[in-house]
Amino acid sequence: MVMPRTIWTGLLLGLLLTGCRGMISSKPPVHPNLNMDFQEKFEAQELNPFFADRRAMRPPVPGTVPRGLLKEDTHFYFGKTADGAYVERIPLAVTPELVRRGQERYNIYCAVCHGKAGDGQGIIMRGNYGYTPAPSFHDDRLRNVADGYLFEVITNGVRNMPAYGHQIPVADRWAIVAYMRALQRSQNATAADVPEAVRAQLQAK
């Protein structure tokens, strides 16, 4: 049986390609499209004579905002109202899950200075390391400040306290504020703050 010419051609090409495998050539590679190798572009830090400042790296156009980062909700992102006043209350639903998240984040970032009870007696404060004493959250001054103030202090720092805005996401900062309020209430609670069913159990003991 005579095989069609196309089959013979295919077999011949296959043998040629197989024979080329593993062969190293000293000749430069074939580049049908040289634009991929020699692109008209400027690398970082290069001079660009097109612009007056001769910088190839261009700053963003004033007023532009990256997609997804338009922080219109000033209450949530900055802890302030549109006129710059601190928000009085956390702009999130305060749930047990939020408070537990705040406790976890607080114990990681805050407890080393402020103590797990919020009394300013963290391990760094008790270790005689020369740090300025951390305030107690149970002072009347901090019990009466707006929630937005606490959020801003976590975000930007205050006096010797460093800023944590670059480490702690916005929602987690509010969770920490919620837990701080829980700590404050725990140290200044009255019998009326205890649910009636739990109060009866405590009184029975």
C-alpha atoms as a PDB file:
ATOM      1  CA  MET A   1       0.000   0.000   0.000  1.00  0.00           C
ATOM      2  CA  VAL A   2       1.374   3.391  -0.954  1.00  0.00           C
ATOM      3  CA  MET A   3       1.228   5.988   1.824  1.00  0.00           C
ATOM      4  CA  PRO A   4      -0.028   9.477   0.935  1.00  0.00           C
ATOM      5  CA  ARG A   5       2.590  12.175   0.408  1.00  0.00           C
ATOM      6  CA  THR A   6       1.287  14.216   3.395  1.00  0.00           C
ATOM      7  CA  ILE A   7       1.996  11.305   5.748  1.00  0.00           C
ATOM      8  CA  TRP A   8       5.549  10.962   4.447  1.00  0.00           C
ATOM      9  CA  THR A   9       6.059  14.687   4.857  1.00  0.00           C
ATOM     10  CA  GLY A  10       4.795  14.550   8.431  1.00  0.00           C
ATOM     11  CA  LEU A  11       7.080  11.636   9.307  1.00  0.00           C
ATOM     12  CA  LEU A  12      10.077  13.402   7.804  1.00  0.00           C
ATOM     13  CA  LEU A  13       9.391  16.583   9.759  1.00  0.00           C
ATOM     14  CA  GLY A  14       8.950  14.573  12.947  1.00  0.00           C
ATOM     15  CA  LEU A  15      12.328  12.871  12.439  1.00  0.00           C
ATOM     16  CA  LEU A  16      14.006  16.213  11.812  1.00  0.00           C
ATOM     17  CA  LEU A  17      12.517  17.784  14.935  1.00  0.00           C
ATOM     18  CA  THR A  18      13.408  14.758  17.053  1.00  0.00           C
ATOM     19  CA  GLY A  19      16.975  14.871  15.820  1.00  0.00           C
ATOM     20  CA  CYS A  20      17.307  18.502  16.879  1.00  0.00           C
ATOM     21  CA  ARG A  21      16.386  17.893  20.493  1.00  0.00           C
ATOM     22  CA  GLY A  22      19.191  18.613  22.943  1.00  0.00           C
ATOM     23  CA  MET A  23      21.422  20.285  20.357  1.00  0.00           C
ATOM     24  CA  ILE A  24      23.139  23.514  21.433  1.00  0.00           C
ATOM     25  CA  SER A  25      23.770  26.172  18.838  1.00  0.00           C
ATOM     26  CA  SER A  26      26.228  29.040  19.038  1.00  0.00           C
ATOM     27  CA  LYS A  27      24.192  31.051  16.549  1.00  0.00           C
ATOM     28  CA  PRO A  28      21.941  33.863  17.837  1.00  0.00           C
ATOM     29  CA  PRO A  29      18.268  32.923  18.084  1.00  0.00           C
ATOM     30  CA  VAL A  30      15.899  33.833  15.319  1.00  0.00           C
ATOM     31  CA  HIS A  31      13.635  36.747  16.266  1.00  0.00           C
ATOM     32  CA  PRO A  32      10.859  37.361  13.764  1.00  0.00           C
ATOM     33  CA  ASN A  33       9.650  40.413  15.739  1.00  0.00           C
ATOM     34  CA  LEU A  34      12.510  42.526  17.091  1.00  0.00           C
ATOM     35  CA  ASN A  35      10.109  44.913  18.842  1.00  0.00           C
ATOM     36  CA  MET A  36       9.922  42.429  21.715  1.00  0.00           C
ATOM     37  CA  ASP A  37      13.692  42.721  22.256  1.00  0.00           C
ATOM     38  CA  PHE A  38      14.245  46.383  21.552  1.00  0.00           C
ATOM     39  CA  GLN A  39      11.294  48.229  23.038  1.00  0.00           C
ATOM     40  CA  GLU A  40      11.076  51.999  23.119  1.00  0.00           C
ATOM     41  CA  LYS A  41      10.747  52.500  26.859  1.00  0.00           C
ATOM     42  CA  PHE A  42      12.398  54.067  29.891  1.00  0.00           C
ATOM     43  CA  GLU A  43      13.521  52.038  32.893  1.00  0.00           C
ATOM     44  CA  ALA A  44      13.105  53.180  36.495  1.00  0.00           C
ATOM     45  CA  GLN A  45      15.381  56.078  37.493  1.00  0.00           C
ATOM     46  CA  GLU A  46      16.326  56.829  33.863  1.00  0.00           C
ATOM     47  CA  LEU A  47      16.328  60.325  32.410  1.00  0.00           C
ATOM     48  CA  ASN A  48      13.450  61.147  30.109  1.00  0.00           C
ATOM     49  CA  PRO A  49      14.016  64.324  28.071  1.00  0.00           C
ATOM     50  CA  PHE A  50      10.340  64.502  27.153  1.00  0.00           C
ATOM     51  CA  PHE A  51       9.360  65.922  30.567  1.00  0.00           C
ATOM     52  CA  ALA A  52      10.547  69.201  32.036  1.00  0.00           C
ATOM     53  CA  ASP A  53      11.802  67.525  35.229  1.00  0.00           C
ATOM     54  CA  ARG A  54      13.491  64.803  33.101  1.00  0.00           C
ATOM     55  CA  ARG A  55      12.094  62.025  35.292  1.00  0.00           C
ATOM     56  CA  ALA A  56      10.968  58.786  33.664  1.00  0.00           C
ATOM     57  CA  MET A  57       9.043  57.752  36.780  1.00  0.00           C
ATOM     58  CA  ARG A  58       5.925  59.899  36.812  1.00  0.00           C
ATOM     59  CA  PRO A  59       3.991  60.765  39.975  1.00  0.00           C
ATOM     60  CA  PRO A  60       0.225  60.133  39.979  1.00  0.00           C
ATOM     61  CA  VAL A  61      -1.952  62.866  38.532  1.00  0.00           C
ATOM     62  CA  PRO A  62      -3.194  65.078  41.402  1.00  0.00           C
ATOM     63  CA  GLY A  63      -6.608  64.011  42.593  1.00  0.00           C
ATOM     64  CA  THR A  64      -6.420  60.449  41.298  1.00  0.00           C
ATOM     65  CA  VAL A  65      -7.385  57.593  43.621  1.00  0.00           C
ATOM     66  CA  PRO A  66      -6.491  53.908  43.157  1.00  0.00           C
ATOM     67  CA  ARG A  67      -9.481  51.728  42.367  1.00  0.00           C
ATOM     68  CA  GLY A  68     -11.147  50.492  45.549  1.00  0.00           C
ATOM     69  CA  LEU A  69      -9.375  53.018  47.794  1.00  0.00           C
ATOM     70  CA  LEU A  70     -11.787  55.948  47.659  1.00  0.00           C
ATOM     71  CA  LYS A  71     -12.313  56.552  51.367  1.00  0.00           C
ATOM     72  CA  GLU A  72     -15.559  58.498  51.229  1.00  0.00           C
ATOM     73  CA  ASP A  73     -16.822  57.037  54.514  1.00  0.00           C
ATOM     74  CA  THR A  74     -14.915  59.321  56.888  1.00  0.00           C
ATOM     75  CA  HIS A  75     -16.594  57.757  59.920  1.00  0.00           C
ATOM     76  CA  PHE A  76     -15.164  54.333  59.121  1.00  0.00           C
ATOM     77  CA  TYR A  77     -11.779  55.221  57.632  1.00  0.00           C
ATOM     78  CA  PHE A  78     -10.812  58.189  59.799  1.00  0.00           C
ATOM     79  CA  GLY A  79     -13.068  58.075  62.859  1.00  0.00           C
ATOM     80  CA  LYS A  80     -14.279  61.585  62.096  1.00  0.00           C
ATOM     81  CA  THR A  81     -17.349  63.309  60.777  1.00  0.00           C
ATOM     82  CA  ALA A  82     -17.319  65.332  57.546  1.00  0.00           C
ATOM     83  CA  ASP A  83     -16.521  68.482  59.543  1.00  0.00           C
ATOM     84  CA  GLY A  84     -13.555  66.859  61.315  1.00  0.00           C
ATOM     85  CA  ALA A  85     -15.113  66.050  64.703  1.00  0.00           C
ATOM     86  CA  TYR A  86     -14.465  62.659  66.296  1.00  0.00           C
ATOM     87  CA  VAL A  87     -17.304  60.173  65.947  1.00  0.00           C
ATOM     88  CA  GLU A  88     -18.837  59.365  69.308  1.00  0.00           C
ATOM     89  CA  ARG A  89     -19.591  55.703  68.610  1.00  0.00           C
ATOM     90  CA  ILE A  90     -18.005  52.898  66.596  1.00  0.00           C
ATOM     91  CA  PRO A  91     -19.447  52.948  63.037  1.00  0.00           C
ATOM     92  CA  LEU A  92     -19.843  49.156  63.047  1.00  0.00           C
ATOM     93  CA  ALA A  93     -22.288  46.767  64.653  1.00  0.00           C
ATOM     94  CA  VAL A  94     -20.722  45.805  67.976  1.00  0.00           C
ATOM     95  CA  THR A  95     -21.200  42.039  68.090  1.00  0.00           C
ATOM     96  CA  PRO A  96     -19.573  39.332  70.225  1.00  0.00           C
ATOM     97  CA  GLU A  97     -17.537  38.364  67.147  1.00  0.00           C
ATOM     98  CA  LEU A  98     -16.227  41.920  66.761  1.00  0.00           C
ATOM     99  CA  VAL A  99     -15.249  42.120  70.425  1.00  0.00           C
ATOM    100  CA  ARG A 100     -13.506  38.738  70.296  1.00  0.00           C
ATOM    101  CA  ARG A 101     -11.584  39.863  67.229  1.00  0.00           C
ATOM    102  CA  GLY A 102     -10.659  43.031  69.076  1.00  0.00           C
ATOM    103  CA  GLN A 103      -9.436  41.011  72.045  1.00  0.00           C
ATOM    104  CA  GLU A 104      -7.181  38.921  69.807  1.00  0.00           C
ATOM    105  CA  ARG A 105      -5.707  41.978  68.060  1.00  0.00           C
ATOM    106  CA  TYR A 106      -5.407  43.890  71.352  1.00  0.00           C
ATOM    107  CA  ASN A 107      -3.436  41.075  72.969  1.00  0.00           C
ATOM    108  CA  ILE A 108      -1.044  41.071  70.006  1.00  0.00           C
ATOM    109  CA  TYR A 109      -0.448  44.791  69.543  1.00  0.00           C
ATOM    110  CA  CYS A 110      -1.526  46.597  72.701  1.00  0.00           C
ATOM    111  CA  ALA A 111      -1.236  44.384  75.777  1.00  0.00           C
ATOM    112  CA  VAL A 112       2.568  44.500  75.905  1.00  0.00           C
ATOM    113  CA  CYS A 113       2.334  48.149  76.979  1.00  0.00           C
ATOM    114  CA  HIS A 114      -1.225  48.687  78.182  1.00  0.00           C
ATOM    115  CA  GLY A 115      -1.649  45.336  79.936  1.00  0.00           C
ATOM    116  CA  LYS A 116      -4.301  42.708  79.335  1.00  0.00           C
ATOM    117  CA  ALA A 117      -6.604  44.516  81.752  1.00  0.00           C
ATOM    118  CA  GLY A 118      -5.980  47.908  80.133  1.00  0.00           C
ATOM    119  CA  ASP A 119      -4.399  49.207  83.338  1.00  0.00           C
ATOM    120  CA  GLY A 120      -1.117  50.345  81.765  1.00  0.00           C
ATOM    121  CA  GLN A 121       0.815  47.535  83.407  1.00  0.00           C
ATOM    122  CA  GLY A 122       2.000  45.590  80.372  1.00  0.00           C
ATOM    123  CA  ILE A 123       5.222  43.598  80.454  1.00  0.00           C
ATOM    124  CA  ILE A 124       7.190  46.448  78.861  1.00  0.00           C
ATOM    125  CA  MET A 125       5.976  48.893  81.495  1.00  0.00           C
ATOM    126  CA  ARG A 126       6.825  46.508  84.341  1.00  0.00           C
ATOM    127  CA  GLY A 127      10.250  45.605  82.941  1.00  0.00           C
ATOM    128  CA  ASN A 128      12.022  48.857  83.837  1.00  0.00           C
ATOM    129  CA  TYR A 129      13.017  49.469  80.203  1.00  0.00           C
ATOM    130  CA  GLY A 130      12.850  53.242  80.445  1.00  0.00           C
ATOM    131  CA  TYR A 131       9.606  53.717  78.530  1.00  0.00           C
ATOM    132  CA  THR A 132       7.202  56.518  79.310  1.00  0.00           C
ATOM    133  CA  PRO A 133       4.423  54.907  81.396  1.00  0.00           C
ATOM    134  CA  ALA A 134       1.394  53.886  79.353  1.00  0.00           C
ATOM    135  CA  PRO A 135      -1.896  55.374  80.568  1.00  0.00           C
ATOM    136  CA  SER A 136      -4.626  53.281  82.125  1.00  0.00           C
ATOM    137  CA  PHE A 137      -7.803  53.027  80.066  1.00  0.00           C
ATOM    138  CA  HIS A 138      -9.726  53.217  83.319  1.00  0.00           C
ATOM    139  CA  ASP A 139      -8.901  56.864  83.938  1.00  0.00           C
ATOM    140  CA  ASP A 140     -11.957  59.084  83.646  1.00  0.00           C
ATOM    141  CA  ARG A 141     -10.327  61.022  80.811  1.00  0.00           C
ATOM    142  CA  LEU A 142     -10.054  57.980  78.542  1.00  0.00           C
ATOM    143  CA  ARG A 143     -13.379  56.547  79.624  1.00  0.00           C
ATOM    144  CA  ASN A 144     -15.079  59.726  78.433  1.00  0.00           C
ATOM    145  CA  VAL A 145     -13.295  60.354  75.110  1.00  0.00           C
ATOM    146  CA  ALA A 146     -15.055  59.649  71.810  1.00  0.00           C
ATOM    147  CA  ASP A 147     -14.521  56.323  70.094  1.00  0.00           C
ATOM    148  CA  GLY A 148     -13.092  58.187  67.109  1.00  0.00           C
ATOM    149  CA  TYR A 149     -10.305  59.565  69.288  1.00  0.00           C
ATOM    150  CA  LEU A 150      -9.222  56.061  70.327  1.00  0.00           C
ATOM    151  CA  PHE A 151      -9.317  54.980  66.689  1.00  0.00           C
ATOM    152  CA  GLU A 152      -7.111  57.909  65.640  1.00  0.00           C
ATOM    153  CA  VAL A 153      -4.577  57.184  68.379  1.00  0.00           C
ATOM    154  CA  ILE A 154      -4.301  53.579  67.214  1.00  0.00           C
ATOM    155  CA  THR A 155      -3.953  54.769  63.626  1.00  0.00           C
ATOM    156  CA  ASN A 156      -1.506  57.651  64.013  1.00  0.00           C
ATOM    157  CA  GLY A 157      -0.030  57.203  67.484  1.00  0.00           C
ATOM    158  CA  VAL A 158       0.256  59.877  70.148  1.00  0.00           C
ATOM    159  CA  ARG A 159       3.302  61.223  71.986  1.00  0.00           C
ATOM    160  CA  ASN A 160       5.619  58.197  72.499  1.00  0.00           C
ATOM    161  CA  MET A 161       3.112  55.652  71.210  1.00  0.00           C
ATOM    162  CA  PRO A 162       3.874  54.630  67.600  1.00  0.00           C
ATOM    163  CA  ALA A 163       1.301  54.541  64.816  1.00  0.00           C
ATOM    164  CA  TYR A 164      -0.271  51.181  63.962  1.00  0.00           C
ATOM    165  CA  GLY A 165      -2.256  52.269  60.921  1.00  0.00           C
ATOM    166  CA  HIS A 166       0.177  50.512  58.592  1.00  0.00           C
ATOM    167  CA  GLN A 167      -0.015  47.243  60.549  1.00  0.00           C
ATOM    168  CA  ILE A 168      -3.634  46.931  61.630  1.00  0.00           C
ATOM    169  CA  PRO A 169      -6.470  47.055  59.058  1.00  0.00           C
ATOM    170  CA  VAL A 170      -9.230  49.608  59.578  1.00  0.00           C
ATOM    171  CA  ALA A 171     -11.905  47.127  60.712  1.00  0.00           C
ATOM    172  CA  ASP A 172      -9.479  45.570  63.206  1.00  0.00           C
ATOM    173  CA  ARG A 173      -8.723  48.989  64.678  1.00  0.00           C
ATOM    174  CA  TRP A 174     -12.425  49.456  65.360  1.00  0.00           C
ATOM    175  CA  ALA A 175     -12.549  45.953  66.841  1.00  0.00           C
ATOM    176  CA  ILE A 176      -9.762  46.949  69.237  1.00  0.00           C
ATOM    177  CA  VAL A 177     -11.725  50.066  70.230  1.00  0.00           C
ATOM    178  CA  ALA A 178     -14.741  47.855  70.944  1.00  0.00           C
ATOM    179  CA  TYR A 179     -12.626  45.608  73.160  1.00  0.00           C
ATOM    180  CA  MET A 180     -11.102  48.599  74.945  1.00  0.00           C
ATOM    181  CA  ARG A 181     -14.622  49.749  75.799  1.00  0.00           C
ATOM    182  CA  ALA A 182     -15.399  46.252  77.097  1.00  0.00           C
ATOM    183  CA  LEU A 183     -12.303  46.402  79.305  1.00  0.00           C
ATOM    184  CA  GLN A 184     -13.344  49.793  80.643  1.00  0.00           C
ATOM    185  CA  ARG A 185     -16.836  48.595  81.414  1.00  0.00           C
ATOM    186  CA  SER A 186     -15.524  45.466  83.119  1.00  0.00           C
ATOM    187  CA  GLN A 187     -13.586  47.573  85.613  1.00  0.00           C
ATOM    188  CA  ASN A 188     -16.392  50.060  86.229  1.00  0.00           C
ATOM    189  CA  ALA A 189     -19.447  47.816  86.161  1.00  0.00           C
ATOM    190  CA  THR A 190     -22.302  47.791  88.659  1.00  0.00           C
ATOM    191  CA  ALA A 191     -24.776  45.076  89.551  1.00  0.00           C
ATOM    192  CA  ALA A 192     -27.239  46.662  87.133  1.00  0.00           C
ATOM    193  CA  ASP A 193     -24.863  45.872  84.239  1.00  0.00           C
ATOM    194  CA  VAL A 194     -25.123  42.130  84.902  1.00  0.00           C
ATOM    195  CA  PRO A 195     -28.005  40.329  83.132  1.00  0.00           C
ATOM    196  CA  GLU A 196     -30.762  39.427  85.560  1.00  0.00           C
ATOM    197  CA  ALA A 197     -30.406  35.676  85.057  1.00  0.00           C
ATOM    198  CA  VAL A 198     -26.652  35.800  85.658  1.00  0.00           C
ATOM    199  CA  ARG A 199     -27.130  38.148  88.608  1.00  0.00           C
ATOM    200  CA  ALA A 200     -29.403  35.608  90.291  1.00  0.00           C
ATOM    201  CA  GLN A 201     -26.765  32.891  89.837  1.00  0.00           C
ATOM    202  CA  LEU A 202     -24.072  35.088  91.326  1.00  0.00           C
ATOM    203  CA  GLN A 203     -26.236  36.024  94.290  1.00  0.00           C
ATOM    204  CA  ALA A 204     -27.033  32.350  94.914  1.00  0.00           C
ATOM    205  CA  LYS A 205     -23.334  31.603  95.241  1.00  0.00           C
END
